[in-house]
Amino acid sequence: MPEIKSRYIGINDKFVVIGSDGVWEFLSNQDVAEVVLPFYKINQPESAANAIVKAAHSRWREEEEVVDDITAVVIFMEPIMAY
């Protein structure tokens, strides 16, 4: 069952990460933010998504023999988008 949340985007919001359960099984929100932030600074959302997938895959391999599906989408926010 998908988890759905809604939230107003504020001026301090920098990015949105949409991830399958394979991302969140072994990575916390803080872990993901730490992976994304360097890519945010150089405006590379696709590289950020790839880095999340690699980090999640690495954690899965440490904990399990089988790796679940891992999908990540990263959207960088512009301050003008906040209302």
C-alpha atoms as a PDB file:
ATOM      1  CA  MET A   1       0.000   0.000   0.000  1.00  0.00           C
ATOM      2  CA  PRO A   2       1.580   3.320  -1.023  1.00  0.00           C
ATOM      3  CA  GLU A   3       2.169   5.943   1.615  1.00  0.00           C
ATOM      4  CA  ILE A   4       0.805   9.339   0.595  1.00  0.00           C
ATOM      5  CA  LYS A   5       1.622  12.599   2.318  1.00  0.00           C
ATOM      6  CA  SER A   6       0.851  16.183   1.436  1.00  0.00           C
ATOM      7  CA  ARG A   7       2.699  19.282   2.506  1.00  0.00           C
ATOM      8  CA  TYR A   8       2.946  22.929   1.550  1.00  0.00           C
ATOM      9  CA  ILE A   9       6.261  23.814  -0.011  1.00  0.00           C
ATOM     10  CA  GLY A  10       8.055  26.602   1.800  1.00  0.00           C
ATOM     11  CA  ILE A  11      10.916  28.921   0.951  1.00  0.00           C
ATOM     12  CA  ASN A  12      13.354  26.714   2.910  1.00  0.00           C
ATOM     13  CA  ASP A  13      12.482  23.498   1.060  1.00  0.00           C
ATOM     14  CA  LYS A  14      15.361  22.576  -1.239  1.00  0.00           C
ATOM     15  CA  PHE A  15      14.360  19.291  -2.849  1.00  0.00           C
ATOM     16  CA  VAL A  16      11.816  16.489  -3.002  1.00  0.00           C
ATOM     17  CA  VAL A  17      12.785  12.823  -3.102  1.00  0.00           C
ATOM     18  CA  ILE A  18      10.272  10.254  -4.258  1.00  0.00           C
ATOM     19  CA  GLY A  19      11.523   6.767  -3.588  1.00  0.00           C
ATOM     20  CA  SER A  20      10.304   3.209  -3.672  1.00  0.00           C
ATOM     21  CA  ASP A  21      10.361   1.139  -0.503  1.00  0.00           C
ATOM     22  CA  GLY A  22      13.765  -0.158  -1.597  1.00  0.00           C
ATOM     23  CA  VAL A  23      15.167   3.290  -0.816  1.00  0.00           C
ATOM     24  CA  TRP A  24      13.551   3.707   2.589  1.00  0.00           C
ATOM     25  CA  GLU A  25      14.101   0.184   3.915  1.00  0.00           C
ATOM     26  CA  PHE A  26      17.644   0.930   5.111  1.00  0.00           C
ATOM     27  CA  LEU A  27      18.087   4.682   4.491  1.00  0.00           C
ATOM     28  CA  SER A  28      16.595   7.313   6.780  1.00  0.00           C
ATOM     29  CA  ASN A  29      15.387  10.735   5.656  1.00  0.00           C
ATOM     30  CA  GLN A  30      18.630  12.145   7.082  1.00  0.00           C
ATOM     31  CA  ASP A  31      20.735   9.621   5.145  1.00  0.00           C
ATOM     32  CA  VAL A  32      18.997  10.564   1.907  1.00  0.00           C
ATOM     33  CA  ALA A  33      19.327  14.296   2.584  1.00  0.00           C
ATOM     34  CA  GLU A  34      23.063  13.874   3.175  1.00  0.00           C
ATOM     35  CA  VAL A  35      23.387  12.033  -0.138  1.00  0.00           C
ATOM     36  CA  VAL A  36      21.400  14.658  -2.070  1.00  0.00           C
ATOM     37  CA  LEU A  37      22.804  17.903  -0.634  1.00  0.00           C
ATOM     38  CA  PRO A  38      26.173  17.900  -2.466  1.00  0.00           C
ATOM     39  CA  PHE A  39      24.349  17.360  -5.769  1.00  0.00           C
ATOM     40  CA  TYR A  40      21.866  20.126  -4.933  1.00  0.00           C
ATOM     41  CA  LYS A  41      24.780  22.535  -4.555  1.00  0.00           C
ATOM     42  CA  ILE A  42      25.944  21.755  -8.114  1.00  0.00           C
ATOM     43  CA  ASN A  43      22.434  21.393  -9.599  1.00  0.00           C
ATOM     44  CA  GLN A  44      22.619  17.708 -10.595  1.00  0.00           C
ATOM     45  CA  PRO A  45      19.318  16.052  -9.624  1.00  0.00           C
ATOM     46  CA  GLU A  46      19.860  12.997 -11.839  1.00  0.00           C
ATOM     47  CA  SER A  47      23.223  12.346 -10.207  1.00  0.00           C
ATOM     48  CA  ALA A  48      21.563  12.731  -6.806  1.00  0.00           C
ATOM     49  CA  ALA A  49      18.962  10.105  -7.720  1.00  0.00           C
ATOM     50  CA  ASN A  50      21.692   7.751  -8.941  1.00  0.00           C
ATOM     51  CA  ALA A  51      23.654   8.260  -5.720  1.00  0.00           C
ATOM     52  CA  ILE A  52      20.557   7.422  -3.635  1.00  0.00           C
ATOM     53  CA  VAL A  53      20.068   4.203  -5.584  1.00  0.00           C
ATOM     54  CA  LYS A  54      23.731   3.258  -5.110  1.00  0.00           C
ATOM     55  CA  ALA A  55      23.614   4.027  -1.375  1.00  0.00           C
ATOM     56  CA  ALA A  56      20.395   2.037  -0.924  1.00  0.00           C
ATOM     57  CA  HIS A  57      21.797  -0.895  -2.905  1.00  0.00           C
ATOM     58  CA  SER A  58      24.945  -0.889  -0.788  1.00  0.00           C
ATOM     59  CA  ARG A  59      22.921  -0.935   2.444  1.00  0.00           C
ATOM     60  CA  TRP A  60      20.711  -3.741   1.136  1.00  0.00           C
ATOM     61  CA  ARG A  61      23.783  -5.844   0.321  1.00  0.00           C
ATOM     62  CA  GLU A  62      25.107  -5.290   3.856  1.00  0.00           C
ATOM     63  CA  GLU A  63      21.840  -6.459   5.436  1.00  0.00           C
ATOM     64  CA  GLU A  64      20.247  -8.961   3.038  1.00  0.00           C
ATOM     65  CA  GLU A  65      21.127 -11.435   0.302  1.00  0.00           C
ATOM     66  CA  VAL A  66      18.248 -10.273  -1.898  1.00  0.00           C
ATOM     67  CA  VAL A  67      17.862  -6.642  -2.970  1.00  0.00           C
ATOM     68  CA  ASP A  68      14.383  -5.140  -3.395  1.00  0.00           C
ATOM     69  CA  ASP A  69      13.529  -2.774  -6.227  1.00  0.00           C
ATOM     70  CA  ILE A  70      15.170   0.618  -5.738  1.00  0.00           C
ATOM     71  CA  THR A  71      13.793   3.653  -7.539  1.00  0.00           C
ATOM     72  CA  ALA A  72      14.462   7.315  -6.763  1.00  0.00           C
ATOM     73  CA  VAL A  73      13.302  10.575  -8.315  1.00  0.00           C
ATOM     74  CA  VAL A  74      14.852  13.841  -7.143  1.00  0.00           C
ATOM     75  CA  ILE A  75      13.312  17.254  -7.807  1.00  0.00           C
ATOM     76  CA  PHE A  76      15.238  20.398  -6.928  1.00  0.00           C
ATOM     77  CA  MET A  77      13.061  23.301  -5.824  1.00  0.00           C
ATOM     78  CA  GLU A  78      13.474  26.917  -6.819  1.00  0.00           C
ATOM     79  CA  PRO A  79      12.526  29.584  -4.239  1.00  0.00           C
ATOM     80  CA  ILE A  80      10.112  31.099  -6.779  1.00  0.00           C
ATOM     81  CA  MET A  81       8.074  27.848  -6.606  1.00  0.00           C
ATOM     82  CA  ALA A  82       7.177  28.411  -2.923  1.00  0.00           C
ATOM     83  CA  TYR A  83       3.887  30.112  -2.165  1.00  0.00           C
END
